[in-house]
Amino acid sequence: MSKYIWMVIQDLFVAVTLVTLIHAVTRDRFGKERLRIHWCGIALGIASSVALAVVKNTTNKIVSSRLNHKIYIGIVLLTAAYLLLMYVYRERKGKTEKAGGILPSLFGAGLSFIWIFYTLPGSIAYPFTFNTMGNGYLSWYFFQRLIGWALAFLILAVYAKLLSECALSMKKKSLPLIILAVTASVNAFYCLCRFFAPWVNRAKWLNWPVQFEKDRHGWAYALVRFSSDHAMDFIWITAAAVFVLAVFFFAENTRITDPYDNPAQRRKLRARNRKRRREAVGSLIFLAVCVVSMSAVKAYDMREVSLSEPETYTVEDDSILVPMDEVSDGHLHRFEYRTKNDVNVRWIVVKKPGSASFGTGLDACEVCGNAGYYENNGKVICKRCDVVMNINTIGFKGGCNPIPLSYEVRDGNLVFAIGDLEAGEKEFK
């Protein structure tokens, strides 16, 4: 569940921030009439994203990898054009400004569309990839992931609403545009760096060799490597810019600066300031939620889980004996056998609740490979995909269950055939 919260927020945070700021600046500078243009850009971006996500995940149609390459350069060009137009129209006032606001509004709508189309399809497609262990869409495995996915969209929606209110109500009208210019430029630079990625590998149309040569194309490699190594830094810069805007907005409304003629007007202004301070605090809170999700929650979710140490057993002829009384406590027990080819084959044993039988299998599955399983609060969990195993199904084939490993009961021992372990070494090579 937590995985899809931070994944969706990380995917969409920059796009949501930029689209919200463009929306606020368009309304503030060019009025509600021009705002309709921006709404059209947003609606078209969402509709196109939904269509692309559905096509990619419900058909065998493969979307060309060159699409992102075109989107990158589109973001760069639209950002440059939009900011240039906003600079040109910065001095226009009244009717002249509104009459001439069509062009920057169109480019702002185009920039919002392309950011949405770049980031949203992947997030929409997550439910298509939920691991339900073969239980289908009407299972708890699906719904708990769906809840996290939907919660992330809700968090971003509230964050966008509060950020929009702050940007629209700013007394210093130039600050939202400055914040927008900074964040848009920084992220356009990221896209410019990513634009060179295909060139590094295969830019035949530039007469570059298919095999990348660092000494010849080092500048392109440096940009691509920089954007790859510092991808999160661009998100943190965006978050920092929003933090500055919210703090300035809060500071603007700590005291009354507008003139008033009587106590009633003064009370009205104080009430307005309190409302605006709440909006500033709210935007900071939801900004913090986004940052914590992309940092602490992500770090916890991606933490390296250490597998328990292998336990001892007895080898007798061509069999391995594990005393039943040592594995009958209901906890996960791990064992390891080194094959003739010097491969360590792991397997697990856990007593099934309310039963005299045991769940046994290789410490690997057909879905996630040999990542292994660990126990947490009495639950057996796949280390790679975090799916909680149904202990009663361990020993049965399918889904993320451990690859079955047969055993016999003999003289109070679980007996495993060494030949079966030798046959399982292919899973651990």
Protein backbone atom coordinates (compact mmCIF):
# COMPACT_ATOMS: atom_id res chain seq x y z
CA MET A 1 0.00 0.00 0.00
CA SER A 2 2.68 2.52 1.02
CA LYS A 3 4.65 1.68 -2.11
CA TYR A 4 2.02 3.15 -4.42
CA ILE A 5 1.57 6.25 -2.26
CA TRP A 6 5.14 7.41 -2.70
CA MET A 7 5.44 6.12 -6.27
CA VAL A 8 2.43 8.11 -7.52
CA ILE A 9 3.43 11.24 -5.59
CA GLN A 10 7.00 11.01 -6.88
CA ASP A 11 5.80 10.53 -10.46
CA LEU A 12 3.33 13.43 -10.41
CA PHE A 13 4.65 15.98 -7.89
CA VAL A 14 6.51 18.16 -10.39
CA ALA A 15 3.70 18.05 -12.98
CA VAL A 16 1.02 18.87 -10.39
CA THR A 17 3.07 21.78 -9.05
CA LEU A 18 3.77 23.26 -12.48
CA VAL A 19 0.22 22.82 -13.78
CA THR A 20 -1.20 24.41 -10.60
CA LEU A 21 1.12 27.41 -10.82
CA ILE A 22 0.39 27.90 -14.52
CA HIS A 23 -3.33 27.73 -13.73
CA ALA A 24 -3.03 30.35 -10.98
CA VAL A 25 -0.83 32.69 -13.01
CA THR A 26 -3.16 32.44 -16.04
CA ARG A 27 -6.21 33.34 -13.98
CA ASP A 28 -4.46 36.16 -12.13
CA ARG A 29 -2.91 37.77 -15.20
CA PHE A 30 -5.41 37.10 -17.97
CA GLY A 31 -8.73 36.50 -16.22
CA LYS A 32 -11.27 33.68 -16.19
CA GLU A 33 -11.84 33.90 -19.95
CA ARG A 34 -8.30 32.77 -20.67
CA LEU A 35 -8.54 30.21 -17.89
CA ARG A 36 -10.85 28.17 -20.09
CA ILE A 37 -7.97 27.63 -22.48
CA HIS A 38 -5.91 26.17 -19.68
CA TRP A 39 -8.76 23.92 -18.55
CA CYS A 40 -8.88 22.55 -22.09
CA GLY A 41 -5.16 21.75 -21.95
CA ILE A 42 -5.59 19.95 -18.62
CA ALA A 43 -8.63 17.98 -19.82
CA LEU A 44 -6.90 16.97 -23.05
CA GLY A 45 -3.81 15.88 -21.11
CA ILE A 46 -5.83 13.71 -18.72
CA ALA A 47 -7.92 12.17 -21.51
CA SER A 48 -4.83 11.39 -23.61
CA SER A 49 -3.06 9.90 -20.58
CA VAL A 50 -5.99 7.63 -19.75
CA ALA A 51 -6.21 6.49 -23.38
CA LEU A 52 -2.48 5.75 -23.57
CA ALA A 53 -2.49 3.86 -20.27
CA VAL A 54 -5.45 1.72 -21.33
CA VAL A 55 -3.99 0.98 -24.77
CA LYS A 56 -0.60 0.00 -23.33
CA ASN A 57 -2.03 -2.30 -20.68
CA THR A 58 -5.05 -3.89 -22.35
CA THR A 59 -3.62 -4.61 -25.78
CA ASN A 60 -0.39 -5.93 -27.20
CA LYS A 61 0.32 -2.62 -28.87
CA ILE A 62 3.81 -1.36 -28.08
CA VAL A 63 4.21 2.39 -27.72
CA SER A 64 7.42 3.61 -29.34
CA SER A 65 10.21 4.49 -26.93
CA ARG A 66 10.83 7.55 -29.09
CA LEU A 67 7.68 9.13 -27.63
CA ASN A 68 9.46 10.24 -24.46
CA HIS A 69 12.30 11.60 -26.57
CA LYS A 70 9.84 13.86 -28.39
CA ILE A 71 8.12 14.82 -25.12
CA TYR A 72 11.43 15.91 -23.60
CA ILE A 73 12.24 18.35 -26.38
CA GLY A 74 8.59 19.47 -26.43
CA ILE A 75 8.80 20.39 -22.73
CA VAL A 76 12.03 22.31 -23.30
CA LEU A 77 10.68 24.30 -26.26
CA LEU A 78 7.27 25.00 -24.70
CA THR A 79 8.86 26.11 -21.43
CA ALA A 80 11.16 28.53 -23.22
CA ALA A 81 8.33 29.93 -25.36
CA TYR A 82 5.92 30.25 -22.42
CA LEU A 83 8.37 32.05 -20.15
CA LEU A 84 9.39 34.37 -22.99
CA LEU A 85 5.77 35.28 -23.66
CA MET A 86 5.08 35.86 -19.96
CA TYR A 87 8.07 38.20 -19.88
CA VAL A 88 6.83 40.08 -22.95
CA TYR A 89 3.35 40.53 -21.45
CA ARG A 90 4.57 41.43 -17.96
CA GLU A 91 3.89 45.17 -18.40
CA ARG A 92 0.47 44.91 -20.00
CA LYS A 93 -2.49 46.10 -17.96
CA GLY A 94 -6.26 46.08 -18.11
CA LYS A 95 -7.96 45.40 -21.43
CA THR A 96 -4.72 45.27 -23.36
CA GLU A 97 -3.42 42.49 -21.14
CA LYS A 98 -6.60 40.44 -21.41
CA ALA A 99 -6.89 40.97 -25.12
CA GLY A 100 -3.30 39.92 -25.65
CA GLY A 101 -3.32 37.02 -23.22
CA ILE A 102 -4.43 34.40 -25.72
CA LEU A 103 -0.95 33.47 -26.89
CA PRO A 104 0.69 32.94 -23.47
CA SER A 105 -2.47 31.17 -22.29
CA LEU A 106 -2.26 28.79 -25.25
CA PHE A 107 1.39 28.02 -24.58
CA GLY A 108 0.65 27.60 -20.87
CA ALA A 109 -2.11 25.12 -21.75
CA GLY A 110 0.27 23.32 -24.10
CA LEU A 111 2.94 23.10 -21.40
CA SER A 112 0.42 21.73 -18.90
CA PHE A 113 -0.83 19.20 -21.45
CA ILE A 114 2.62 17.84 -22.22
CA TRP A 115 3.63 17.57 -18.54
CA ILE A 116 0.42 15.67 -17.77
CA PHE A 117 0.85 13.42 -20.80
CA TYR A 118 4.47 12.74 -19.80
CA THR A 119 3.84 11.79 -16.17
CA LEU A 120 0.24 10.63 -15.76
CA PRO A 121 -0.02 7.48 -17.97
CA GLY A 122 2.45 5.53 -15.83
CA SER A 123 0.60 6.36 -12.61
CA ILE A 124 -2.77 5.50 -14.12
CA ALA A 125 -1.37 2.14 -15.23
CA TYR A 126 -0.25 0.97 -11.78
CA PRO A 127 -3.50 -0.93 -11.02
CA PHE A 128 -2.87 -3.03 -14.12
CA THR A 129 0.37 -4.27 -12.54
CA PHE A 130 -0.78 -4.95 -8.97
CA ASN A 131 0.44 -8.34 -7.77
CA THR A 132 -2.67 -10.12 -6.43
CA MET A 133 -1.04 -13.57 -6.10
CA GLY A 134 -3.51 -14.88 -8.64
CA ASN A 135 -6.53 -13.84 -6.55
CA GLY A 136 -7.83 -11.36 -9.13
CA TYR A 137 -9.30 -7.89 -8.79
CA LEU A 138 -11.83 -8.85 -6.10
CA SER A 139 -9.20 -9.59 -3.47
CA TRP A 140 -7.70 -7.82 -0.51
CA TYR A 141 -4.29 -7.91 -2.20
CA PHE A 142 -5.69 -5.74 -4.98
CA PHE A 143 -7.76 -3.40 -2.84
CA GLN A 144 -5.03 -2.54 -0.35
CA ARG A 145 -2.81 -1.45 -3.23
CA LEU A 146 -5.70 0.39 -4.85
CA ILE A 147 -6.31 2.29 -1.59
CA GLY A 148 -2.69 3.48 -1.49
CA TRP A 149 -2.83 4.44 -5.17
CA ALA A 150 -6.08 6.42 -4.73
CA LEU A 151 -4.85 8.05 -1.51
CA ALA A 152 -1.83 9.45 -3.37
CA PHE A 153 -4.11 11.11 -5.94
CA LEU A 154 -6.23 12.56 -3.12
CA ILE A 155 -3.14 13.98 -1.38
CA LEU A 156 -1.97 15.60 -4.62
CA ALA A 157 -5.44 17.03 -5.32
CA VAL A 158 -5.63 18.73 -1.90
CA TYR A 159 -2.03 19.94 -2.25
CA ALA A 160 -2.86 21.46 -5.66
CA LYS A 161 -5.99 23.18 -4.31
CA LEU A 162 -4.13 24.78 -1.39
CA LEU A 163 -1.17 25.78 -3.56
CA SER A 164 -3.55 27.39 -6.05
CA GLU A 165 -5.24 29.42 -3.30
CA CYS A 166 -1.87 30.65 -2.05
CA ALA A 167 -0.67 31.63 -5.53
CA LEU A 168 -3.93 33.41 -6.41
CA SER A 169 -4.13 35.39 -3.17
CA MET A 170 -0.52 36.57 -3.05
CA LYS A 171 -0.20 40.31 -2.59
CA LYS A 172 3.20 40.21 -4.25
CA LYS A 173 1.85 39.16 -7.64
CA SER A 174 5.25 38.61 -9.22
CA LEU A 175 6.30 35.89 -6.76
CA PRO A 176 4.12 33.03 -8.15
CA LEU A 177 5.43 33.76 -11.64
CA ILE A 178 9.02 33.83 -10.35
CA ILE A 179 8.48 30.49 -8.57
CA LEU A 180 6.90 29.10 -11.74
CA ALA A 181 9.79 30.31 -13.88
CA VAL A 182 12.36 28.73 -11.55
CA THR A 183 10.63 25.36 -11.24
CA ALA A 184 9.73 25.17 -14.93
CA SER A 185 13.28 26.05 -16.00
CA VAL A 186 14.91 23.59 -13.60
CA ASN A 187 12.71 20.73 -14.73
CA ALA A 188 13.06 21.69 -18.39
CA PHE A 189 16.82 21.35 -17.90
CA TYR A 190 16.24 17.85 -16.52
CA CYS A 191 14.22 16.99 -19.63
CA LEU A 192 16.97 18.44 -21.82
CA CYS A 193 19.47 16.13 -20.12
CA ARG A 194 17.18 13.15 -20.64
CA PHE A 195 16.72 14.16 -24.28
CA PHE A 196 20.31 13.09 -24.96
CA ALA A 197 19.84 9.58 -23.54
CA PRO A 198 19.00 7.89 -26.88
CA TRP A 199 21.93 9.70 -28.49
CA VAL A 200 24.31 8.10 -26.06
CA ASN A 201 23.32 4.64 -27.25
CA ARG A 202 22.10 4.91 -30.82
CA ALA A 203 22.05 8.18 -32.70
CA LYS A 204 22.61 6.95 -36.23
CA TRP A 205 20.86 9.95 -37.73
CA LEU A 206 23.65 12.09 -36.26
CA ASN A 207 26.27 9.76 -37.74
CA TRP A 208 27.31 8.70 -34.25
CA PRO A 209 28.40 5.11 -33.69
CA VAL A 210 25.91 2.70 -32.18
CA GLN A 211 28.42 1.85 -29.47
CA PHE A 212 28.89 4.84 -27.20
CA GLU A 213 32.42 6.25 -26.99
CA LYS A 214 32.94 8.23 -23.81
CA ASP A 215 35.99 10.17 -25.03
CA ARG A 216 34.14 11.32 -28.15
CA HIS A 217 30.70 12.02 -26.69
CA GLY A 218 31.57 12.77 -23.09
CA TRP A 219 29.42 15.92 -22.87
CA ALA A 220 26.24 14.02 -23.78
CA TYR A 221 27.14 11.21 -21.41
CA ALA A 222 27.78 13.73 -18.62
CA LEU A 223 24.33 15.29 -19.04
CA VAL A 224 22.55 11.95 -19.13
CA ARG A 225 24.50 10.64 -16.14
CA PHE A 226 23.87 13.85 -14.19
CA SER A 227 20.11 13.69 -14.76
CA SER A 228 20.07 10.02 -13.81
CA ASP A 229 22.11 10.43 -10.62
CA HIS A 230 20.31 13.58 -9.48
CA ALA A 231 16.71 12.93 -10.59
CA MET A 232 15.36 13.42 -7.07
CA ASP A 233 17.26 16.69 -6.66
CA PHE A 234 15.04 18.31 -9.30
CA ILE A 235 12.00 17.28 -7.29
CA TRP A 236 13.52 18.67 -4.07
CA ILE A 237 14.22 21.99 -5.80
CA THR A 238 10.57 22.15 -6.85
CA ALA A 239 9.45 21.38 -3.29
CA ALA A 240 11.80 24.05 -1.91
CA ALA A 241 10.37 26.66 -4.29
CA VAL A 242 6.83 25.82 -3.16
CA PHE A 243 7.96 26.06 0.46
CA VAL A 244 9.27 29.59 -0.19
CA LEU A 245 5.98 30.62 -1.79
CA ALA A 246 3.90 29.28 1.12
CA VAL A 247 6.13 30.91 3.74
CA PHE A 248 5.97 34.27 1.97
CA PHE A 249 2.21 33.95 1.70
CA PHE A 250 1.94 33.24 5.42
CA ALA A 251 4.22 36.18 6.26
CA GLU A 252 2.13 38.52 4.07
CA ASN A 253 -0.92 37.82 6.17
CA THR A 254 0.51 38.08 9.67
CA ARG A 255 -0.58 41.72 9.93
CA ILE A 256 -3.07 44.04 8.28
CA THR A 257 -1.54 46.28 5.62
CA ASP A 258 -4.73 47.25 3.76
CA PRO A 259 -6.47 50.50 4.74
CA TYR A 260 -9.77 50.32 6.65
CA ASP A 261 -12.30 52.92 7.78
CA ASN A 262 -13.94 51.30 10.78
CA PRO A 263 -13.61 48.38 13.23
CA ALA A 264 -15.95 46.21 11.13
CA GLN A 265 -13.65 46.46 8.13
CA ARG A 266 -10.69 45.73 10.37
CA ARG A 267 -12.36 42.56 11.69
CA LYS A 268 -13.11 41.51 8.13
CA LEU A 269 -9.48 41.97 7.12
CA ARG A 270 -8.32 40.01 10.17
CA ALA A 271 -10.68 37.17 9.27
CA ARG A 272 -9.35 37.19 5.72
CA ASN A 273 -5.77 37.03 6.99
CA ARG A 274 -6.59 34.11 9.29
CA LYS A 275 -8.14 32.23 6.38
CA ARG A 276 -5.08 32.87 4.23
CA ARG A 277 -2.71 31.79 6.99
CA ARG A 278 -4.67 28.54 7.30
CA GLU A 279 -4.29 28.03 3.56
CA ALA A 280 -0.55 28.65 3.84
CA VAL A 281 -0.22 26.23 6.74
CA GLY A 282 -2.35 23.68 4.89
CA SER A 283 -0.17 23.89 1.80
CA LEU A 284 2.94 23.46 3.97
CA ILE A 285 1.40 20.44 5.70
CA PHE A 286 0.52 18.72 2.44
CA LEU A 287 3.89 19.68 0.98
CA ALA A 288 5.45 17.99 4.02
CA VAL A 289 3.27 14.92 3.44
CA CYS A 290 4.54 14.71 -0.14
CA VAL A 291 8.17 15.19 0.91
CA VAL A 292 7.92 12.61 3.70
CA SER A 293 6.29 10.15 1.30
CA MET A 294 9.09 10.58 -1.24
CA SER A 295 11.83 10.34 1.40
CA ALA A 296 11.07 8.55 4.68
CA VAL A 297 8.20 6.35 3.44
CA LYS A 298 10.14 5.49 0.29
CA ALA A 299 13.30 4.69 2.28
CA TYR A 300 11.32 2.46 4.65
CA ASP A 301 9.53 0.73 1.81
CA MET A 302 12.76 0.10 -0.08
CA ARG A 303 14.82 -0.87 2.96
CA GLU A 304 17.03 -3.90 2.61
CA VAL A 305 15.50 -6.75 4.59
CA SER A 306 18.09 -9.22 5.84
CA LEU A 307 17.22 -12.86 5.57
CA SER A 308 17.59 -14.94 8.71
CA GLU A 309 20.66 -17.14 9.05
CA PRO A 310 20.35 -20.73 7.81
CA GLU A 311 19.71 -23.30 10.53
CA THR A 312 21.49 -26.60 11.07
CA TYR A 313 20.39 -30.04 9.90
CA THR A 314 21.70 -33.59 9.57
CA VAL A 315 22.81 -35.29 6.36
CA GLU A 316 22.13 -38.99 6.10
CA ASP A 317 23.03 -40.77 2.87
CA ASP A 318 21.13 -38.93 0.13
CA SER A 319 18.73 -37.18 2.49
CA ILE A 320 18.62 -34.17 4.78
CA LEU A 321 16.93 -34.54 8.16
CA VAL A 322 15.34 -31.64 10.02
CA PRO A 323 13.94 -32.40 13.53
CA MET A 324 10.21 -31.64 13.58
CA ASP A 325 10.25 -30.31 17.13
CA GLU A 326 12.67 -27.57 16.04
CA VAL A 327 10.38 -26.24 13.29
CA SER A 328 6.97 -26.70 14.92
CA ASP A 329 6.74 -23.26 16.55
CA GLY A 330 4.85 -21.66 13.64
CA HIS A 331 7.79 -19.42 12.68
CA LEU A 332 9.75 -19.33 9.44
CA HIS A 333 12.86 -21.51 9.36
CA ARG A 334 15.48 -21.24 6.63
CA PHE A 335 18.01 -23.85 5.54
CA GLU A 336 20.82 -23.88 2.98
CA TYR A 337 22.56 -26.64 1.06
CA ARG A 338 25.68 -26.27 -1.10
CA THR A 339 25.39 -28.34 -4.26
CA LYS A 340 28.15 -30.15 -6.14
CA ASN A 341 28.34 -27.13 -8.48
CA ASP A 342 29.04 -24.85 -5.50
CA VAL A 343 25.58 -23.24 -5.57
CA ASN A 344 23.84 -22.40 -2.29
CA VAL A 345 20.25 -23.63 -2.48
CA ARG A 346 17.95 -22.20 0.20
CA TRP A 347 14.63 -23.60 1.34
CA ILE A 348 12.10 -22.68 4.01
CA VAL A 349 9.93 -24.59 6.44
CA VAL A 350 6.94 -23.28 8.41
CA LYS A 351 4.30 -25.21 10.32
CA LYS A 352 0.83 -24.46 9.06
CA PRO A 353 -1.55 -23.02 11.66
CA GLY A 354 -4.12 -25.46 13.01
CA SER A 355 -2.57 -28.34 11.11
CA ALA A 356 -0.03 -31.10 11.58
CA SER A 357 1.48 -30.46 8.13
CA PHE A 358 4.29 -28.13 7.12
CA GLY A 359 4.68 -25.60 4.34
CA THR A 360 7.97 -26.28 2.58
CA GLY A 361 9.48 -24.80 -0.52
CA LEU A 362 12.56 -23.30 -2.08
CA ASP A 363 13.39 -19.79 -0.85
CA ALA A 364 12.44 -18.53 -4.30
CA CYS A 365 9.38 -18.21 -6.53
CA GLU A 366 8.63 -18.15 -10.23
CA VAL A 367 7.58 -14.49 -10.08
CA CYS A 368 10.27 -12.79 -7.99
CA GLY A 369 13.18 -15.19 -8.39
CA ASN A 370 15.46 -15.96 -5.46
CA ALA A 371 14.88 -12.78 -3.46
CA GLY A 372 13.63 -14.94 -0.61
CA TYR A 373 11.04 -14.64 2.16
CA TYR A 374 11.17 -13.19 5.64
CA GLU A 375 8.92 -13.22 8.70
CA ASN A 376 7.40 -10.10 10.22
CA ASN A 377 4.80 -10.20 13.00
CA GLY A 378 4.02 -13.81 12.24
CA LYS A 379 3.57 -13.18 8.52
CA VAL A 380 5.68 -14.65 5.75
CA ILE A 381 6.48 -11.93 3.22
CA CYS A 382 8.20 -11.93 -0.16
CA LYS A 383 11.29 -9.74 0.08
CA ARG A 384 10.99 -8.38 -3.45
CA CYS A 385 7.30 -7.58 -3.89
CA ASP A 386 6.14 -7.37 -0.23
CA VAL A 387 3.28 -9.77 -0.86
CA VAL A 388 2.13 -11.52 2.32
CA MET A 389 1.98 -15.27 1.83
CA ASN A 390 -0.96 -17.37 2.93
CA ILE A 391 0.96 -19.87 5.05
CA ASN A 392 -1.61 -22.57 4.30
CA THR A 393 -0.77 -22.32 0.56
CA ILE A 394 3.01 -22.62 1.02
CA GLY A 395 3.93 -25.88 -0.64
CA PHE A 396 1.46 -25.32 -3.47
CA LYS A 397 2.50 -24.04 -6.87
CA GLY A 398 1.38 -20.69 -8.24
CA GLY A 399 1.57 -16.91 -7.77
CA CYS A 400 4.29 -15.67 -5.46
CA ASN A 401 4.28 -18.90 -3.45
CA PRO A 402 7.66 -20.55 -2.83
CA ILE A 403 8.53 -23.16 -5.43
CA PRO A 404 7.26 -26.39 -3.82
CA LEU A 405 9.76 -28.76 -2.23
CA SER A 406 8.50 -32.21 -1.21
CA TYR A 407 9.30 -33.86 2.12
CA GLU A 408 8.62 -37.00 4.08
CA VAL A 409 8.12 -37.58 7.78
CA ARG A 410 10.40 -40.20 9.30
CA ASP A 411 11.21 -40.87 12.95
CA GLY A 412 10.26 -37.38 14.07
CA ASN A 413 12.17 -35.69 11.23
CA LEU A 414 11.27 -33.88 8.05
CA VAL A 415 13.24 -35.63 5.34
CA PHE A 416 14.28 -33.78 2.16
CA ALA A 417 15.89 -35.52 -0.81
CA ILE A 418 19.24 -34.04 -1.78
CA GLY A 419 18.35 -34.75 -5.40
CA ASP A 420 15.40 -32.36 -5.14
CA LEU A 421 17.69 -29.63 -3.82
CA GLU A 422 20.24 -30.31 -6.56
CA ALA A 423 17.42 -29.92 -9.10
CA GLY A 424 16.52 -26.55 -7.61
CA GLU A 425 19.98 -25.03 -7.98
CA LYS A 426 18.97 -23.36 -11.26
CA GLU A 427 16.85 -20.94 -9.22
CA PHE A 428 19.90 -19.71 -7.26
CA LYS A 429 22.59 -19.44 -9.91
